[in-house]
Amino acid sequence: MGRGAPRQRGGPAVVRSPAIRIRLLAVGKLRSGPFAELQALYAGRIVPSPAIVEIEARQRLPPAALKSREAALILEALPSEARLVALDERGALWSSHDLADRLAAWRDQGVAELAFAIGGADGLGICVLDRAGATLSLGPMTWPHLLVRGMLLEQLYRAQQILARHPYHRR
C-alpha cells in the first residue's frame, strides 16, 4: 500500500450528457435482403438503438404530388422536439469526423433527439428541406434510397466510435 503516489478519491465528478436518440424517417418499405441486413447490422451497433420509421404514401400519385405527400408524412412523423437533418444531394459534405463533431455539439447543447429524413426516389419535398436545421449529402453520386439507410447508420455508428475514441475509425 505504501508504494507510489497516494490515490485520489472524490475528485470532481465528470458529468456526461446523455446520448442523443436517433430517428430515421425513411420513405419506402424495406423488405428482407441485403439492404435490410445492412440496416440491421449498423442499427444494432448504435447505442441507444435508433428508431426507424418507414414512411409510405399508400396511394398512386403523380411524382410531384407523391413527393409532397411523402414530405407531409415525414413531418407528421417528426417529434416536435427533434432536431431534423435532411439528406439531399445538394446538402453539405461532412467527413466522418465532421459528423462526430456535430453529434457532440448537439449533445452538448442538450438536443435529446435527432431525426434524419431520407426521401424517396424523387428526393425530399421542399417543406422538409425548409424545416431541417441541417442538410447533408452523402456525396455527388446517386444512391438508391434504400441503400442510404445502411450507409447513414454506418456513419452514425462510426461517429459514435470516434467520440468514444475507439479504433473502429482509422484515418
Foldseek 3Di string as FASTA:
>chain_A
DPDDDDDDPDPDDDDFFDAAAEEEEAEDDDDDDDLVVLLCVLQVLDPPRHHYHYFYDPDDDPPVVRQVVSQVRSVVPDDPLEAEEEEDLPFDEDDLQRVLVVSRVCSVVVRRYYYYYQYAPVGHDPVSVVRHPGYYYPDNDDDHSSNVSSVVSVSVSSSVCVVVVHVPDDD
